[in-house]
Amino acid sequence: MPDQLDHLIEFERAAADFAAALGWVDPAAAVPACPGWTVADLALHLGSGQRWAASILLSGTSQQVPQVLRTTISWSDWYSGTSAALAAAIRAVDPDESCWNFAPVDQRAGFWARRRLHETVIHLVDLVQAGVAAGEQVDTGLAVVPAALAADGVDEVFEVFLPRMAARGFAPAVTRQLGVRASDTGDEWTLTPVSQGIAPHVERGKAVGEAVLSGAAAELALCLWKRLPPAVLKVTGDPAVAAGFLTGRATP
């Protein structure tokens, strides 16, 4: 696993960046990575999710996502309030305390700081991409994803979302052994298929297989979340194996 991040500090940084961007991006602007969504929809989705996670942390049990009406205050102020509430909930609960989560992994409170951090970062990328003025070169959002955070995000996809997608009955994203290498952080993973309906085995510390994908950690993370085209990554070995993984459903 990549070196341990302080997920709460990183969450607060990303949440502050998201709130600041809401102050200048048109709420009616389209979000390229989320067809049919406007920036207002994106803010509503993320802020509602912060409230949802806070309620889970404070109760320790599964909760319904709140049905939030469109805010009468600024999107930036409303979103900042939801993120502050989540940060307070994270501080109020020991990370090792038993707490429900949606994935087939350890049911501990610490799950939520990491999960909401990466949810916020991916949607910060969406917001940056949405905020680019018409006619200008598209901003990929890579600059808002620090390398160490991105490597942890790749690890979270492999640890949380590959099992999550398998449990939901999606076709496996990993059907042949595949290596993944973050060229800037040195993190490496090998994904080995096990059987239908079961998440692949993940071995950290090496990248071997019939194909090996490599790129900066942020490029890897954004490709896994379908925010960048697969062509930004380097492939060695069998390109069909790499393509099968990159076009599959490793994430929702």
Protein backbone atom coordinates (compact mmCIF):
# COMPACT_ATOMS: atom_id res chain seq x y z
CA MET A 1 0.00 0.00 0.00
CA PRO A 2 1.26 3.54 -0.68
CA ASP A 3 2.69 5.41 2.30
CA GLN A 4 -0.06 6.29 4.76
CA LEU A 5 -1.74 9.63 4.10
CA ASP A 6 -3.54 11.73 6.67
CA HIS A 7 -6.90 11.27 4.98
CA LEU A 8 -8.66 13.90 7.07
CA ILE A 9 -6.14 16.63 6.31
CA GLU A 10 -6.19 15.75 2.62
CA PHE A 11 -10.00 15.69 2.65
CA GLU A 12 -10.19 19.16 4.16
CA ARG A 13 -7.75 20.47 1.57
CA ALA A 14 -9.67 18.96 -1.34
CA ALA A 15 -13.02 20.09 0.08
CA ALA A 16 -11.72 23.65 0.43
CA ASP A 17 -10.51 23.58 -3.18
CA PHE A 18 -13.90 22.30 -4.33
CA ALA A 19 -15.75 25.03 -2.41
CA ALA A 20 -13.45 27.71 -3.83
CA ALA A 21 -14.03 26.48 -7.37
CA LEU A 22 -17.80 26.59 -6.80
CA GLY A 23 -17.34 30.30 -6.28
CA TRP A 24 -16.28 30.90 -9.88
CA VAL A 25 -17.66 28.04 -11.97
CA ASP A 26 -21.11 28.63 -13.46
CA PRO A 27 -23.60 26.34 -11.63
CA ALA A 28 -25.31 25.72 -14.97
CA ALA A 29 -22.10 24.56 -16.69
CA ALA A 30 -22.11 20.98 -18.00
CA VAL A 31 -19.88 18.39 -16.33
CA PRO A 32 -18.07 16.51 -19.14
CA ALA A 33 -17.46 13.31 -17.15
CA CYS A 34 -21.04 13.11 -15.86
CA PRO A 35 -23.38 13.36 -18.88
CA GLY A 36 -26.57 15.21 -18.09
CA TRP A 37 -25.20 16.83 -14.94
CA THR A 38 -24.58 20.50 -14.30
CA VAL A 39 -22.12 21.87 -11.76
CA ALA A 40 -25.10 22.41 -9.41
CA ASP A 41 -25.97 18.72 -9.72
CA LEU A 42 -22.36 17.83 -8.95
CA ALA A 43 -22.33 20.02 -5.83
CA LEU A 44 -25.64 18.54 -4.68
CA HIS A 45 -24.36 14.99 -5.19
CA LEU A 46 -21.10 15.56 -3.33
CA GLY A 47 -22.55 17.63 -0.49
CA SER A 48 -25.37 15.13 0.08
CA GLY A 49 -22.75 12.40 0.17
CA GLN A 50 -20.79 14.26 2.85
CA ARG A 51 -23.92 14.46 4.99
CA TRP A 52 -24.65 10.78 4.36
CA ALA A 53 -21.16 9.70 5.41
CA ALA A 54 -21.30 11.90 8.52
CA SER A 55 -24.59 10.29 9.58
CA ILE A 56 -23.09 6.81 9.12
CA LEU A 57 -20.01 7.68 11.15
CA LEU A 58 -22.02 9.13 14.02
CA SER A 59 -24.48 6.22 14.13
CA GLY A 60 -22.18 3.38 13.07
CA THR A 61 -24.99 1.99 10.91
CA SER A 62 -26.29 2.18 7.34
CA GLN A 63 -28.25 5.35 6.57
CA GLN A 64 -30.31 6.71 3.69
CA VAL A 65 -28.74 9.35 1.47
CA PRO A 66 -30.54 12.59 2.41
CA GLN A 67 -33.00 14.04 -0.10
CA VAL A 68 -31.72 17.59 -0.31
CA LEU A 69 -33.66 20.40 -1.94
CA ARG A 70 -31.67 22.88 -3.97
CA THR A 71 -30.01 25.28 -1.58
CA THR A 72 -31.14 28.87 -1.16
CA ILE A 73 -27.65 29.95 -0.10
CA SER A 74 -24.63 29.87 -2.35
CA TRP A 75 -23.50 26.45 -3.51
CA SER A 76 -20.05 27.19 -2.12
CA ASP A 77 -21.34 28.02 1.37
CA TRP A 78 -23.74 25.06 1.44
CA TYR A 79 -21.10 22.62 0.29
CA SER A 80 -18.56 24.00 2.80
CA GLY A 81 -21.06 23.35 5.59
CA THR A 82 -21.57 19.73 4.56
CA SER A 83 -17.83 19.12 4.40
CA ALA A 84 -17.26 20.75 7.79
CA ALA A 85 -19.95 18.46 9.24
CA LEU A 86 -18.21 15.41 7.81
CA ALA A 87 -14.80 16.52 9.09
CA ALA A 88 -16.30 16.97 12.57
CA ALA A 89 -17.82 13.49 12.42
CA ILE A 90 -14.48 11.98 11.36
CA ARG A 91 -12.82 13.63 14.36
CA ALA A 92 -15.57 12.42 16.70
CA VAL A 93 -15.16 8.70 15.93
CA ASP A 94 -12.07 6.56 16.43
CA PRO A 95 -10.98 5.14 13.04
CA ASP A 96 -10.87 1.62 14.47
CA GLU A 97 -14.43 1.80 15.80
CA SER A 98 -16.89 -0.62 14.22
CA CYS A 99 -18.89 1.16 11.53
CA TRP A 100 -20.92 0.09 8.49
CA ASN A 101 -19.66 0.66 4.95
CA PHE A 102 -20.93 -0.46 1.54
CA ALA A 103 -17.90 -2.50 0.50
CA PRO A 104 -16.85 -6.07 1.34
CA VAL A 105 -13.91 -4.81 3.41
CA ASP A 106 -13.30 -4.20 7.13
CA GLN A 107 -16.29 -2.44 8.66
CA ARG A 108 -14.36 0.30 10.43
CA ALA A 109 -14.91 4.04 10.75
CA GLY A 110 -11.56 4.81 9.11
CA PHE A 111 -13.00 3.67 5.79
CA TRP A 112 -15.02 6.86 5.46
CA ALA A 113 -12.25 9.45 5.67
CA ARG A 114 -10.40 7.71 2.85
CA ARG A 115 -13.53 7.10 0.76
CA ARG A 116 -14.84 10.65 0.98
CA LEU A 117 -11.38 12.04 0.29
CA HIS A 118 -11.13 10.19 -3.01
CA GLU A 119 -14.77 10.90 -3.89
CA THR A 120 -14.06 14.60 -3.37
CA VAL A 121 -10.86 14.56 -5.39
CA ILE A 122 -12.46 12.83 -8.39
CA HIS A 123 -15.33 15.31 -8.37
CA LEU A 124 -12.88 18.19 -7.95
CA VAL A 125 -11.38 17.01 -11.23
CA ASP A 126 -14.90 17.02 -12.70
CA LEU A 127 -15.42 20.57 -11.47
CA VAL A 128 -12.12 21.77 -12.94
CA GLN A 129 -12.99 20.18 -16.27
CA ALA A 130 -16.45 21.80 -16.19
CA GLY A 131 -15.01 25.22 -15.40
CA VAL A 132 -12.89 25.55 -18.51
CA ALA A 133 -14.25 28.34 -20.68
CA ALA A 134 -15.76 27.36 -24.03
CA GLY A 135 -13.21 27.36 -26.81
CA GLU A 136 -10.20 26.91 -24.51
CA GLN A 137 -8.07 23.78 -24.30
CA VAL A 138 -9.68 21.20 -22.02
CA ASP A 139 -8.16 21.06 -18.54
CA THR A 140 -7.61 17.43 -17.52
CA GLY A 141 -7.59 18.25 -13.80
CA LEU A 142 -4.31 16.42 -13.21
CA ALA A 143 -2.86 19.41 -11.36
CA VAL A 144 -5.34 19.04 -8.48
CA VAL A 145 -4.38 15.41 -7.75
CA PRO A 146 -1.05 15.17 -5.85
CA ALA A 147 1.00 12.09 -6.68
CA ALA A 148 0.92 10.44 -3.25
CA LEU A 149 -2.83 10.98 -2.95
CA ALA A 150 -3.36 9.57 -6.45
CA ALA A 151 -1.36 6.44 -5.62
CA ASP A 152 -3.55 5.90 -2.56
CA GLY A 153 -6.56 6.36 -4.82
CA VAL A 154 -5.33 3.64 -7.18
CA ASP A 155 -4.82 1.38 -4.19
CA GLU A 156 -8.36 2.13 -2.97
CA VAL A 157 -9.81 1.13 -6.34
CA PHE A 158 -8.00 -2.21 -6.14
CA GLU A 159 -8.79 -2.79 -2.45
CA VAL A 160 -12.38 -1.51 -2.31
CA PHE A 161 -13.95 -1.20 -5.74
CA LEU A 162 -12.78 -4.37 -7.47
CA PRO A 163 -14.42 -6.40 -4.67
CA ARG A 164 -17.40 -4.03 -4.68
CA MET A 165 -18.03 -4.45 -8.38
CA ALA A 166 -17.63 -8.23 -8.14
CA ALA A 167 -20.14 -8.33 -5.26
CA ARG A 168 -22.61 -6.34 -7.37
CA GLY A 169 -22.41 -8.93 -10.13
CA PHE A 170 -20.50 -6.98 -12.77
CA ALA A 171 -18.24 -8.84 -15.18
CA PRO A 172 -14.69 -8.96 -13.79
CA ALA A 173 -12.43 -6.13 -14.91
CA VAL A 174 -9.40 -8.41 -14.48
CA THR A 175 -9.49 -11.54 -16.63
CA ARG A 176 -5.73 -11.94 -17.24
CA GLN A 177 -2.80 -11.15 -14.97
CA LEU A 178 -1.96 -7.45 -15.17
CA GLY A 179 0.73 -5.21 -13.70
CA VAL A 180 0.22 -1.54 -12.80
CA ARG A 181 3.09 0.86 -12.11
CA ALA A 182 3.02 4.48 -10.92
CA SER A 183 6.07 5.96 -12.60
CA ASP A 184 6.36 8.99 -10.31
CA THR A 185 5.80 7.39 -6.89
CA GLY A 186 7.27 3.93 -7.55
CA ASP A 187 4.13 2.14 -6.34
CA GLU A 188 3.40 -1.14 -8.12
CA TRP A 189 0.60 -3.68 -8.12
CA THR A 190 -0.03 -7.07 -9.73
CA LEU A 191 -3.65 -8.09 -10.28
CA THR A 192 -4.30 -11.79 -10.75
CA PRO A 193 -7.76 -13.13 -11.62
CA VAL A 194 -9.19 -15.72 -9.24
CA SER A 195 -12.60 -16.89 -10.45
CA GLN A 196 -15.89 -15.50 -11.71
CA GLY A 197 -17.62 -13.38 -9.08
CA ILE A 198 -14.52 -13.01 -6.91
CA ALA A 199 -12.24 -9.97 -6.88
CA PRO A 200 -8.73 -10.48 -8.24
CA HIS A 201 -5.80 -11.09 -5.94
CA VAL A 202 -3.81 -7.89 -5.44
CA GLU A 203 -0.09 -8.11 -4.72
CA ARG A 204 1.61 -4.84 -3.89
CA GLY A 205 5.26 -4.09 -4.54
CA LYS A 206 5.64 -5.50 -8.04
CA ALA A 207 4.06 -5.04 -11.47
CA VAL A 208 4.10 -8.18 -13.61
CA GLY A 209 1.65 -9.87 -15.95
CA GLU A 210 0.69 -10.39 -19.56
CA ALA A 211 0.52 -6.60 -19.78
CA VAL A 212 1.87 -3.80 -17.59
CA LEU A 213 0.25 -0.37 -17.43
CA SER A 214 2.39 2.57 -16.37
CA GLY A 215 1.92 6.28 -15.97
CA ALA A 216 1.97 8.99 -13.34
CA ALA A 217 -0.15 8.05 -10.34
CA ALA A 218 -2.70 10.77 -11.15
CA GLU A 219 -3.00 9.49 -14.72
CA LEU A 220 -3.62 5.97 -13.45
CA ALA A 221 -6.24 7.12 -10.94
CA LEU A 222 -8.12 9.25 -13.45
CA CYS A 223 -8.07 6.49 -16.06
CA LEU A 224 -9.51 4.03 -13.54
CA TRP A 225 -12.34 6.50 -12.86
CA LYS A 226 -12.80 7.15 -16.61
CA ARG A 227 -11.75 10.81 -16.32
CA LEU A 228 -8.87 10.45 -18.78
CA PRO A 229 -8.58 8.40 -21.98
CA PRO A 230 -6.55 5.18 -21.67
CA ALA A 231 -4.16 6.41 -24.36
CA VAL A 232 -2.32 8.55 -21.75
CA LEU A 233 -0.88 5.36 -20.22
CA LYS A 234 2.06 3.32 -21.48
CA VAL A 235 1.43 -0.36 -22.15
CA THR A 236 4.05 -3.07 -22.32
CA GLY A 237 3.10 -6.63 -23.18
CA ASP A 238 -0.24 -7.65 -24.67
CA PRO A 239 -2.25 -4.52 -25.58
CA ALA A 240 -5.49 -6.52 -25.68
CA VAL A 241 -5.09 -7.47 -22.01
CA ALA A 242 -4.52 -3.82 -21.07
CA ALA A 243 -7.44 -2.63 -23.18
CA GLY A 244 -9.77 -5.21 -21.69
CA PHE A 245 -9.00 -3.93 -18.20
CA LEU A 246 -9.19 -0.23 -19.06
CA THR A 247 -12.54 -0.55 -20.79
CA GLY A 248 -13.98 -2.79 -18.07
CA ARG A 249 -15.83 -1.82 -14.89
CA ALA A 250 -13.21 -1.45 -12.17
CA THR A 251 -15.25 1.42 -10.70
CA PRO A 252 -18.97 2.36 -10.70
